[in-house]
PDB file of N, CA and C in Angstrom:
ATOM      1  N   UNK A   1      -2.422 155.238 139.998  1.00  0.00           N
ATOM      2  CA  UNK A   1      -3.659 155.102 139.263  1.00  0.00           C
ATOM      3  C   UNK A   1      -3.414 155.286 137.775  1.00  0.00           C
ATOM      4  N   UNK A   2      -2.505 156.192 137.437  1.00  0.00           N
ATOM      5  CA  UNK A   2      -2.164 156.370 136.037  1.00  0.00           C
ATOM      6  C   UNK A   2      -1.564 155.108 135.447  1.00  0.00           C
ATOM      7  N   UNK A   3      -0.718 154.451 136.222  1.00  0.00           N
ATOM      8  CA  UNK A   3      -0.130 153.188 135.767  1.00  0.00           C
ATOM      9  C   UNK A   3      -1.183 152.092 135.665  1.00  0.00           C
ATOM     10  N   UNK A   4      -2.112 152.064 136.618  1.00  0.00           N
ATOM     11  CA  UNK A   4      -3.192 151.081 136.591  1.00  0.00           C
ATOM     12  C   UNK A   4      -3.976 151.229 135.281  1.00  0.00           C
ATOM     13  N   UNK A   5      -4.330 152.470 134.941  1.00  0.00           N
ATOM     14  CA  UNK A   5      -5.080 152.708 133.707  1.00  0.00           C
ATOM     15  C   UNK A   5      -4.281 152.329 132.466  1.00  0.00           C
ATOM     16  N   UNK A   6      -2.952 152.353 132.596  1.00  0.00           N
ATOM     17  CA  UNK A   6      -2.098 151.970 131.471  1.00  0.00           C
ATOM     18  C   UNK A   6      -1.865 150.464 131.416  1.00  0.00           C
ATOM     19  N   UNK A   7      -2.445 149.735 132.392  1.00  0.00           N
ATOM     20  CA  UNK A   7      -2.335 148.287 132.361  1.00  0.00           C
ATOM     21  C   UNK A   7      -1.333 147.688 133.316  1.00  0.00           C
ATOM     22  N   UNK A   8      -0.718 148.499 134.173  1.00  0.00           N
ATOM     23  CA  UNK A   8       0.248 148.005 135.148  1.00  0.00           C
ATOM     24  C   UNK A   8      -0.402 147.954 136.533  1.00  0.00           C
ATOM     25  N   UNK A   9      -0.649 146.755 137.037  1.00  0.00           N
ATOM     26  CA  UNK A   9      -1.346 146.588 138.301  1.00  0.00           C
ATOM     27  C   UNK A   9      -0.553 146.996 139.530  1.00  0.00           C
ATOM     28  N   UNK A  10       0.768 146.986 139.429  1.00  0.00           N
ATOM     29  CA  UNK A  10       1.590 147.466 140.536  1.00  0.00           C
ATOM     30  C   UNK A  10       2.855 148.088 139.953  1.00  0.00           C
ATOM     31  N   UNK A  11       3.347 149.089 140.660  1.00  0.00           N
ATOM     32  CA  UNK A  11       4.504 149.832 140.163  1.00  0.00           C
ATOM     33  C   UNK A  11       5.454 150.145 141.318  1.00  0.00           C
ATOM     34  N   UNK A  12       6.756 150.211 141.026  1.00  0.00           N
ATOM     35  CA  UNK A  12       7.691 150.614 142.079  1.00  0.00           C
ATOM     36  C   UNK A  12       7.696 152.138 142.229  1.00  0.00           C
ATOM     37  N   UNK A  13       7.528 152.608 143.461  1.00  0.00           N
ATOM     38  CA  UNK A  13       7.595 154.028 143.776  1.00  0.00           C
ATOM     39  C   UNK A  13       8.512 154.170 144.981  1.00  0.00           C
ATOM     40  N   UNK A  14       9.606 154.894 144.823  1.00  0.00           N
ATOM     41  CA  UNK A  14      10.592 155.078 145.897  1.00  0.00           C
ATOM     42  C   UNK A  14      11.034 153.727 146.458  1.00  0.00           C
ATOM     43  N   UNK A  15      11.341 152.796 145.567  1.00  0.00           N
ATOM     44  CA  UNK A  15      11.836 151.470 145.920  1.00  0.00           C
ATOM     45  C   UNK A  15      10.838 150.620 146.696  1.00  0.00           C
ATOM     46  N   UNK A  16       9.567 150.943 146.633  1.00  0.00           N
ATOM     47  CA  UNK A  16       8.510 150.137 147.237  1.00  0.00           C
ATOM     48  C   UNK A  16       7.516 149.751 146.149  1.00  0.00           C
ATOM     49  N   UNK A  17       6.970 148.555 146.239  1.00  0.00           N
ATOM     50  CA  UNK A  17       5.985 148.120 145.260  1.00  0.00           C
ATOM     51  C   UNK A  17       4.606 148.577 145.723  1.00  0.00           C
ATOM     52  N   UNK A  18       3.959 149.394 144.900  1.00  0.00           N
ATOM     53  CA  UNK A  18       2.643 149.955 145.227  1.00  0.00           C
ATOM     54  C   UNK A  18       1.603 149.387 144.273  1.00  0.00           C
ATOM     55  N   UNK A  19       0.386 149.218 144.797  1.00  0.00           N
ATOM     56  CA  UNK A  19      -0.677 148.637 143.979  1.00  0.00           C
ATOM     57  C   UNK A  19      -2.007 149.303 144.304  1.00  0.00           C
ATOM     58  N   UNK A  20      -3.094 148.681 143.873  1.00  0.00           N
ATOM     59  CA  UNK A  20      -4.422 149.269 144.082  1.00  0.00           C
ATOM     60  C   UNK A  20      -4.741 149.438 145.565  1.00  0.00           C
ATOM     61  N   UNK A  21      -4.253 148.545 146.401  1.00  0.00           N
ATOM     62  CA  UNK A  21      -4.520 148.674 147.840  1.00  0.00           C
ATOM     63  C   UNK A  21      -3.902 149.954 148.392  1.00  0.00           C
ATOM     64  N   UNK A  22      -2.712 150.283 147.948  1.00  0.00           N
ATOM     65  CA  UNK A  22      -2.056 151.511 148.392  1.00  0.00           C
ATOM     66  C   UNK A  22      -2.857 152.728 147.948  1.00  0.00           C
ATOM     67  N   UNK A  23      -3.319 152.709 146.709  1.00  0.00           N
ATOM     68  CA  UNK A  23      -4.123 153.822 146.198  1.00  0.00           C
ATOM     69  C   UNK A  23      -5.437 153.925 146.961  1.00  0.00           C
ATOM     70  N   UNK A  24      -6.034 152.797 147.283  1.00  0.00           N
ATOM     71  CA  UNK A  24      -7.297 152.791 148.037  1.00  0.00           C
ATOM     72  C   UNK A  24      -7.104 153.399 149.422  1.00  0.00           C
ATOM     73  N   UNK A  25      -6.035 153.038 150.085  1.00  0.00           N
ATOM     74  CA  UNK A  25      -5.741 153.591 151.410  1.00  0.00           C
ATOM     75  C   UNK A  25      -5.506 155.095 151.318  1.00  0.00           C
ATOM     76  N   UNK A  26      -4.741 155.524 150.327  1.00  0.00           N
ATOM     77  CA  UNK A  26      -4.418 156.945 150.185  1.00  0.00           C
ATOM     78  C   UNK A  26      -5.666 157.782 149.910  1.00  0.00           C
ATOM     79  N   UNK A  27      -6.497 157.348 148.981  1.00  0.00           N
ATOM     80  CA  UNK A  27      -7.690 158.145 148.675  1.00  0.00           C
ATOM     81  C   UNK A  27      -8.677 158.126 149.839  1.00  0.00           C
ATOM     82  N   UNK A  28      -8.738 157.029 150.574  1.00  0.00           N
ATOM     83  CA  UNK A  28      -9.609 156.962 151.751  1.00  0.00           C
ATOM     84  C   UNK A  28      -9.136 157.923 152.835  1.00  0.00           C
ATOM     85  N   UNK A  29      -7.825 158.003 153.003  1.00  0.00           N
ATOM     86  CA  UNK A  29      -7.272 158.922 153.996  1.00  0.00           C
ATOM     87  C   UNK A  29      -7.552 160.366 153.613  1.00  0.00           C
ATOM     88  N   UNK A  30      -7.385 160.701 152.351  1.00  0.00           N
ATOM     89  CA  UNK A  30      -7.684 162.064 151.891  1.00  0.00           C
ATOM     90  C   UNK A  30      -9.154 162.374 152.134  1.00  0.00           C
ATOM     91  N   UNK A  31     -10.044 161.458 151.773  1.00  0.00           N
ATOM     92  CA  UNK A  31     -11.471 161.667 151.991  1.00  0.00           C
ATOM     93  C   UNK A  31     -11.748 161.912 153.465  1.00  0.00           C
ATOM     94  N   UNK A  32     -11.148 161.099 154.336  1.00  0.00           N
ATOM     95  CA  UNK A  32     -11.373 161.229 155.774  1.00  0.00           C
ATOM     96  C   UNK A  32     -10.886 162.582 156.283  1.00  0.00           C
ATOM     97  N   UNK A  33      -9.716 163.021 155.833  1.00  0.00           N
ATOM     98  CA  UNK A  33      -9.199 164.327 156.266  1.00  0.00           C
ATOM     99  C   UNK A  33     -10.142 165.451 155.863  1.00  0.00           C
ATOM    100  N   UNK A  34     -10.703 165.347 154.659  1.00  0.00           N
ATOM    101  CA  UNK A  34     -11.581 166.411 154.170  1.00  0.00           C
ATOM    102  C   UNK A  34     -12.893 166.450 154.958  1.00  0.00           C
ATOM    103  N   UNK A  35     -13.497 165.305 155.201  1.00  0.00           N
ATOM    104  CA  UNK A  35     -14.815 165.304 155.840  1.00  0.00           C
ATOM    105  C   UNK A  35     -14.765 165.423 157.356  1.00  0.00           C
ATOM    106  N   UNK A  36     -13.651 165.076 157.964  1.00  0.00           N
ATOM    107  CA  UNK A  36     -13.557 165.098 159.424  1.00  0.00           C
ATOM    108  C   UNK A  36     -13.118 166.469 159.932  1.00  0.00           C
ATOM    109  N   UNK A  37     -13.733 166.948 160.997  1.00  0.00           N
ATOM    110  CA  UNK A  37     -13.263 168.199 161.592  1.00  0.00           C
ATOM    111  C   UNK A  37     -11.849 168.057 162.170  1.00  0.00           C
ATOM    112  N   UNK A  38     -11.390 166.833 162.330  1.00  0.00           N
ATOM    113  CA  UNK A  38     -10.039 166.592 162.844  1.00  0.00           C
ATOM    114  C   UNK A  38      -8.995 166.517 161.732  1.00  0.00           C
ATOM    115  N   UNK A  39      -9.404 166.770 160.497  1.00  0.00           N
ATOM    116  CA  UNK A  39      -8.470 166.756 159.369  1.00  0.00           C
ATOM    117  C   UNK A  39      -7.667 168.047 159.330  1.00  0.00           C
ATOM    118  N   UNK A  40      -6.782 168.210 160.301  1.00  0.00           N
ATOM    119  CA  UNK A  40      -5.985 169.428 160.462  1.00  0.00           C
ATOM    120  C   UNK A  40      -4.502 169.088 160.280  1.00  0.00           C
ATOM    121  N   UNK A  41      -3.808 169.869 159.493  1.00  0.00           N
ATOM    122  CA  UNK A  41      -2.372 169.689 159.304  1.00  0.00           C
ATOM    123  C   UNK A  41      -1.605 170.200 160.521  1.00  0.00           C
ATOM    124  N   UNK A  42      -0.339 169.829 160.616  1.00  0.00           N
ATOM    125  CA  UNK A  42       0.500 170.274 161.734  1.00  0.00           C
ATOM    126  C   UNK A  42       0.581 171.793 161.836  1.00  0.00           C
ATOM    127  N   UNK A  43       0.437 172.473 160.701  1.00  0.00           N
ATOM    128  CA  UNK A  43       0.517 173.941 160.729  1.00  0.00           C
ATOM    129  C   UNK A  43      -0.833 174.592 161.044  1.00  0.00           C
ATOM    130  N   UNK A  44      -1.857 173.775 161.351  1.00  0.00           N
ATOM    131  CA  UNK A  44      -3.154 174.299 161.757  1.00  0.00           C
ATOM    132  C   UNK A  44      -4.172 174.456 160.646  1.00  0.00           C
ATOM    133  N   UNK A  45      -3.771 174.239 159.391  1.00  0.00           N
ATOM    134  CA  UNK A  45      -4.720 174.375 158.283  1.00  0.00           C
ATOM    135  C   UNK A  45      -5.632 173.156 158.200  1.00  0.00           C
ATOM    136  N   UNK A  46      -6.914 173.403 157.932  1.00  0.00           N
ATOM    137  CA  UNK A  46      -7.886 172.340 157.719  1.00  0.00           C
ATOM    138  C   UNK A  46      -7.726 171.810 156.294  1.00  0.00           C
ATOM    139  N   UNK A  47      -7.706 170.496 156.144  1.00  0.00           N
ATOM    140  CA  UNK A  47      -7.661 169.894 154.810  1.00  0.00           C
ATOM    141  C   UNK A  47      -9.041 170.059 154.182  1.00  0.00           C
ATOM    142  N   UNK A  48      -9.077 170.733 153.041  1.00  0.00           N
ATOM    143  CA  UNK A  48     -10.333 171.021 152.350  1.00  0.00           C
ATOM    144  C   UNK A  48     -10.273 170.496 150.920  1.00  0.00           C
ATOM    145  N   UNK A  49     -11.441 170.465 150.296  1.00  0.00           N
ATOM    146  CA  UNK A  49     -11.523 170.087 148.886  1.00  0.00           C
ATOM    147  C   UNK A  49     -10.628 171.000 148.054  1.00  0.00           C
ATOM    148  N   UNK A  50     -10.714 172.293 148.312  1.00  0.00           N
ATOM    149  CA  UNK A  50      -9.922 173.260 147.545  1.00  0.00           C
ATOM    150  C   UNK A  50      -8.425 173.017 147.721  1.00  0.00           C
ATOM    151  N   UNK A  51      -8.006 172.721 148.956  1.00  0.00           N
ATOM    152  CA  UNK A  51      -6.590 172.459 149.218  1.00  0.00           C
ATOM    153  C   UNK A  51      -6.109 171.233 148.443  1.00  0.00           C
ATOM    154  N   UNK A  52      -6.894 170.169 148.498  1.00  0.00           N
ATOM    155  CA  UNK A  52      -6.501 168.938 147.805  1.00  0.00           C
ATOM    156  C   UNK A  52      -6.445 169.167 146.301  1.00  0.00           C
ATOM    157  N   UNK A  53      -7.423 169.869 145.759  1.00  0.00           N
ATOM    158  CA  UNK A  53      -7.406 170.148 144.311  1.00  0.00           C
ATOM    159  C   UNK A  53      -6.200 170.991 143.918  1.00  0.00           C
ATOM    160  N   UNK A  54      -5.840 171.933 144.740  1.00  0.00           N
ATOM    161  CA  UNK A  54      -4.651 172.736 144.464  1.00  0.00           C
ATOM    162  C   UNK A  54      -3.401 171.856 144.484  1.00  0.00           C
ATOM    163  N   UNK A  55      -3.340 170.940 145.446  1.00  0.00           N
ATOM    164  CA  UNK A  55      -2.193 170.031 145.522  1.00  0.00           C
ATOM    165  C   UNK A  55      -2.131 169.107 144.315  1.00  0.00           C
ATOM    166  N   UNK A  56      -3.289 168.633 143.874  1.00  0.00           N
ATOM    167  CA  UNK A  56      -3.314 167.802 142.664  1.00  0.00           C
ATOM    168  C   UNK A  56      -2.763 168.599 141.480  1.00  0.00           C
ATOM    169  N   UNK A  57      -3.215 169.833 141.336  1.00  0.00           N
ATOM    170  CA  UNK A  57      -2.741 170.685 140.237  1.00  0.00           C
ATOM    171  C   UNK A  57      -1.238 170.929 140.317  1.00  0.00           C
ATOM    172  N   UNK A  58      -0.701 171.030 141.523  1.00  0.00           N
ATOM    173  CA  UNK A  58       0.736 171.269 141.702  1.00  0.00           C
ATOM    174  C   UNK A  58       1.565 170.000 141.526  1.00  0.00           C
ATOM    175  N   UNK A  59       1.044 168.874 141.988  1.00  0.00           N
ATOM    176  CA  UNK A  59       1.827 167.638 141.998  1.00  0.00           C
ATOM    177  C   UNK A  59       1.739 166.838 140.711  1.00  0.00           C
ATOM    178  N   UNK A  60       0.620 166.913 140.011  1.00  0.00           N
ATOM    179  CA  UNK A  60       0.454 166.126 138.790  1.00  0.00           C
ATOM    180  C   UNK A  60       1.559 166.389 137.763  1.00  0.00           C
ATOM    181  N   UNK A  61       1.928 167.634 137.488  1.00  0.00           N
ATOM    182  CA  UNK A  61       3.026 167.851 136.535  1.00  0.00           C
ATOM    183  C   UNK A  61       4.354 167.235 137.010  1.00  0.00           C
ATOM    184  N   UNK A  62       4.596 167.233 138.302  1.00  0.00           N
ATOM    185  CA  UNK A  62       5.827 166.627 138.844  1.00  0.00           C
ATOM    186  C   UNK A  62       5.813 165.118 138.634  1.00  0.00           C
ATOM    187  N   UNK A  63       4.673 164.497 138.899  1.00  0.00           N
ATOM    188  CA  UNK A  63       4.555 163.052 138.711  1.00  0.00           C
ATOM    189  C   UNK A  63       4.746 162.712 137.242  1.00  0.00           C
ATOM    190  N   UNK A  64       4.097 163.474 136.373  1.00  0.00           N
ATOM    191  CA  UNK A  64       4.213 163.207 134.946  1.00  0.00           C
ATOM    192  C   UNK A  64       5.652 163.397 134.462  1.00  0.00           C
ATOM    193  N   UNK A  65       6.355 164.366 134.983  1.00  0.00           N
ATOM    194  CA  UNK A  65       7.767 164.572 134.604  1.00  0.00           C
ATOM    195  C   UNK A  65       8.613 163.370 135.017  1.00  0.00           C
ATOM    196  N   UNK A  66       8.337 162.816 136.175  1.00  0.00           N
ATOM    197  CA  UNK A  66       9.066 161.625 136.633  1.00  0.00           C
ATOM    198  C   UNK A  66       8.774 160.440 135.735  1.00  0.00           C
ATOM    199  N   UNK A  67       7.518 160.279 135.362  1.00  0.00           N
ATOM    200  CA  UNK A  67       7.114 159.173 134.494  1.00  0.00           C
ATOM    201  C   UNK A  67       7.787 159.298 133.134  1.00  0.00           C
ATOM    202  N   UNK A  68       7.810 160.501 132.591  1.00  0.00           N
ATOM    203  CA  UNK A  68       8.475 160.737 131.302  1.00  0.00           C
ATOM    204  C   UNK A  68       9.967 160.418 131.416  1.00  0.00           C
ATOM    205  N   UNK A  69      10.591 160.830 132.516  1.00  0.00           N
ATOM    206  CA  UNK A  69      12.018 160.567 132.718  1.00  0.00           C
ATOM    207  C   UNK A  69      12.311 159.070 132.775  1.00  0.00           C
ATOM    208  N   UNK A  70      11.323 158.281 133.173  1.00  0.00           N
ATOM    209  CA  UNK A  70      11.485 156.828 133.230  1.00  0.00           C
ATOM    210  C   UNK A  70      11.123 156.167 131.902  1.00  0.00           C
ATOM    211  N   UNK A  71      10.791 156.996 130.901  1.00  0.00           N
ATOM    212  CA  UNK A  71      10.491 156.483 129.579  1.00  0.00           C
ATOM    213  C   UNK A  71       9.086 155.954 129.407  1.00  0.00           C
ATOM    214  N   UNK A  72       8.192 156.359 130.300  1.00  0.00           N
ATOM    215  CA  UNK A  72       6.814 155.885 130.218  1.00  0.00           C
ATOM    216  C   UNK A  72       5.899 156.976 129.681  1.00  0.00           C
ATOM    217  N   UNK A  73       4.741 156.569 129.219  1.00  0.00           N
ATOM    218  CA  UNK A  73       3.731 157.487 128.690  1.00  0.00           C
ATOM    219  C   UNK A  73       2.899 158.051 129.839  1.00  0.00           C
ATOM    220  N   UNK A  74       2.486 159.301 129.736  1.00  0.00           N
ATOM    221  CA  UNK A  74       1.684 159.937 130.786  1.00  0.00           C
ATOM    222  C   UNK A  74       0.223 160.115 130.396  1.00  0.00           C
ATOM    223  N   UNK A  75      -0.185 159.502 129.309  1.00  0.00           N
ATOM    224  CA  UNK A  75      -1.527 159.739 128.773  1.00  0.00           C
ATOM    225  C   UNK A  75      -2.641 159.451 129.777  1.00  0.00           C
ATOM    226  N   UNK A  76      -2.451 158.507 130.662  1.00  0.00           N
ATOM    227  CA  UNK A  76      -3.514 158.128 131.591  1.00  0.00           C
ATOM    228  C   UNK A  76      -3.497 158.925 132.896  1.00  0.00           C
ATOM    229  N   UNK A  77      -2.500 159.752 133.100  1.00  0.00           N
ATOM    230  CA  UNK A  77      -2.348 160.421 134.403  1.00  0.00           C
ATOM    231  C   UNK A  77      -3.366 161.539 134.625  1.00  0.00           C
ATOM    232  N   UNK A  78      -3.731 162.265 133.587  1.00  0.00           N
ATOM    233  CA  UNK A  78      -4.777 163.277 133.739  1.00  0.00           C
ATOM    234  C   UNK A  78      -6.109 162.608 134.067  1.00  0.00           C
ATOM    235  N   UNK A  79      -6.391 161.505 133.398  1.00  0.00           N
ATOM    236  CA  UNK A  79      -7.609 160.750 133.663  1.00  0.00           C
ATOM    237  C   UNK A  79      -7.593 160.221 135.105  1.00  0.00           C
ATOM    238  N   UNK A  80      -6.457 159.749 135.554  1.00  0.00           N
ATOM    239  CA  UNK A  80      -6.329 159.250 136.925  1.00  0.00           C
ATOM    240  C   UNK A  80      -6.582 160.366 137.933  1.00  0.00           C
ATOM    241  N   UNK A  81      -6.108 161.566 137.657  1.00  0.00           N
ATOM    242  CA  UNK A  81      -6.331 162.699 138.561  1.00  0.00           C
ATOM    243  C   UNK A  81      -7.816 163.024 138.674  1.00  0.00           C
ATOM    244  N   UNK A  82      -8.539 162.939 137.569  1.00  0.00           N
ATOM    245  CA  UNK A  82      -9.982 163.194 137.586  1.00  0.00           C
ATOM    246  C   UNK A  82     -10.688 162.128 138.428  1.00  0.00           C
ATOM    247  N   UNK A  83     -10.304 160.873 138.260  1.00  0.00           N
ATOM    248  CA  UNK A  83     -10.910 159.792 139.038  1.00  0.00           C
ATOM    249  C   UNK A  83     -10.560 159.942 140.517  1.00  0.00           C
ATOM    250  N   UNK A  84      -9.308 160.299 140.814  1.00  0.00           N
ATOM    251  CA  UNK A  84      -8.918 160.508 142.210  1.00  0.00           C
ATOM    252  C   UNK A  84      -9.759 161.609 142.843  1.00  0.00           C
ATOM    253  N   UNK A  85      -9.949 162.686 142.124  1.00  0.00           N
ATOM    254  CA  UNK A  85     -10.780 163.795 142.618  1.00  0.00           C
ATOM    255  C   UNK A  85     -12.189 163.286 142.925  1.00  0.00           C
ATOM    256  N   UNK A  86     -12.773 162.599 141.977  1.00  0.00           N
ATOM    257  CA  UNK A  86     -14.142 162.090 142.135  1.00  0.00           C
ATOM    258  C   UNK A  86     -14.251 161.118 143.311  1.00  0.00           C
ATOM    259  N   UNK A  87     -13.248 160.286 143.497  1.00  0.00           N
ATOM    260  CA  UNK A  87     -13.303 159.252 144.530  1.00  0.00           C
ATOM    261  C   UNK A  87     -12.845 159.740 145.898  1.00  0.00           C
ATOM    262  N   UNK A  88     -12.211 160.899 145.962  1.00  0.00           N
ATOM    263  CA  UNK A  88     -11.661 161.397 147.229  1.00  0.00           C
ATOM    264  C   UNK A  88     -12.370 162.627 147.770  1.00  0.00           C
ATOM    265  N   UNK A  89     -13.068 163.353 146.921  1.00  0.00           N
ATOM    266  CA  UNK A  89     -13.545 164.678 147.323  1.00  0.00           C
ATOM    267  C   UNK A  89     -15.058 164.830 147.255  1.00  0.00           C
ATOM    268  N   UNK A  90     -15.780 163.736 147.286  1.00  0.00           N
ATOM    269  CA  UNK A  90     -17.241 163.812 147.314  1.00  0.00           C
ATOM    270  C   UNK A  90     -17.721 163.690 148.757  1.00  0.00           C
ATOM    271  N   UNK A  91     -18.875 164.287 149.080  1.00  0.00           N
ATOM    272  CA  UNK A  91     -19.372 164.211 150.462  1.00  0.00           C
ATOM    273  C   UNK A  91     -19.666 162.773 150.924  1.00  0.00           C
ATOM    274  N   UNK A  92     -20.196 161.960 150.025  1.00  0.00           N
ATOM    275  CA  UNK A  92     -20.470 160.558 150.356  1.00  0.00           C
ATOM    276  C   UNK A  92     -19.272 159.709 149.931  1.00  0.00           C
ATOM    277  N   UNK A  93     -18.870 158.787 150.784  1.00  0.00           N
ATOM    278  CA  UNK A  93     -17.704 157.943 150.502  1.00  0.00           C
ATOM    279  C   UNK A  93     -18.024 156.930 149.402  1.00  0.00           C
ATOM    280  N   UNK A  94     -17.355 157.038 148.250  1.00  0.00           N
ATOM    281  CA  UNK A  94     -17.587 156.072 147.171  1.00  0.00           C
ATOM    282  C   UNK A  94     -16.891 154.737 147.477  1.00  0.00           C
ATOM    283  N   UNK A  95     -17.530 153.669 147.111  1.00  0.00           N
ATOM    284  CA  UNK A  95     -16.936 152.356 147.322  1.00  0.00           C
ATOM    285  C   UNK A  95     -15.891 152.050 146.265  1.00  0.00           C
ATOM    286  N   UNK A  96     -14.850 151.416 146.660  1.00  0.00           N
ATOM    287  CA  UNK A  96     -13.866 150.769 145.813  1.00  0.00           C
ATOM    288  C   UNK A  96     -13.332 151.595 144.642  1.00  0.00           C
ATOM    289  N   UNK A  97     -12.191 152.118 144.834  1.00  0.00           N
ATOM    290  CA  UNK A  97     -11.476 152.895 143.823  1.00  0.00           C
ATOM    291  C   UNK A  97     -11.313 152.124 142.518  1.00  0.00           C
ATOM    292  N   UNK A  98     -11.155 150.830 142.601  1.00  0.00           N
ATOM    293  CA  UNK A  98     -10.893 150.057 141.385  1.00  0.00           C
ATOM    294  C   UNK A  98     -12.087 150.013 140.434  1.00  0.00           C
ATOM    295  N   UNK A  99     -13.307 150.215 140.939  1.00  0.00           N
ATOM    296  CA  UNK A  99     -14.472 150.139 140.057  1.00  0.00           C
ATOM    297  C   UNK A  99     -14.422 151.177 138.929  1.00  0.00           C
ATOM    298  N   UNK A 100     -14.220 152.474 139.228  1.00  0.00           N
ATOM    299  CA  UNK A 100     -14.132 153.417 138.106  1.00  0.00           C
ATOM    300  C   UNK A 100     -12.862 153.239 137.280  1.00  0.00           C
ATOM    301  N   UNK A 101     -11.823 152.682 137.882  1.00  0.00           N
ATOM    302  CA  UNK A 101     -10.607 152.421 137.094  1.00  0.00           C
ATOM    303  C   UNK A 101     -10.863 151.321 136.067  1.00  0.00           C
ATOM    304  N   UNK A 102     -11.539 150.270 136.489  1.00  0.00           N
ATOM    305  CA  UNK A 102     -11.883 149.212 135.534  1.00  0.00           C
ATOM    306  C   UNK A 102     -12.778 149.766 134.430  1.00  0.00           C
ATOM    307  N   UNK A 103     -13.754 150.581 134.799  1.00  0.00           N
ATOM    308  CA  UNK A 103     -14.646 151.181 133.793  1.00  0.00           C
ATOM    309  C   UNK A 103     -13.861 152.017 132.795  1.00  0.00           C
ATOM    310  N   UNK A 104     -12.869 152.766 133.286  1.00  0.00           N
ATOM    311  CA  UNK A 104     -12.068 153.629 132.423  1.00  0.00           C
ATOM    312  C   UNK A 104     -11.166 152.822 131.485  1.00  0.00           C
ATOM    313  N   UNK A 105     -10.847 151.608 131.885  1.00  0.00           N
ATOM    314  CA  UNK A 105      -9.957 150.766 131.069  1.00  0.00           C
ATOM    315  C   UNK A 105     -10.697 150.099 129.916  1.00  0.00           C
ATOM    316  N   UNK A 106     -12.013 150.018 130.005  1.00  0.00           N
ATOM    317  CA  UNK A 106     -12.790 149.345 128.939  1.00  0.00           C
ATOM    318  C   UNK A 106     -12.803 150.140 127.665  1.00  0.00           C
TER     319      UNK A 106
END
């Protein structure tokens, strides 16, 4: 999503080409885990809003460090994290991840 906001519609991640469809699937899965009583990890913990936000806080600096190491700018990654939170952690399922991304690009 950070790359999308920077103008790159698809990016290689771990030797795979990822795009908006991949991000849409990922955020939908996170939303489903949070709202479903069956959103339980192998260790028995329920996936919650708080858990996901903690993971975002832990993982975002790692992602940004990787982006910097590749010589790219990280300016859009904090904004992407906010949009991911909004699109993944609300009680009602928001339509289409790309809509707020397009709005943010204007």
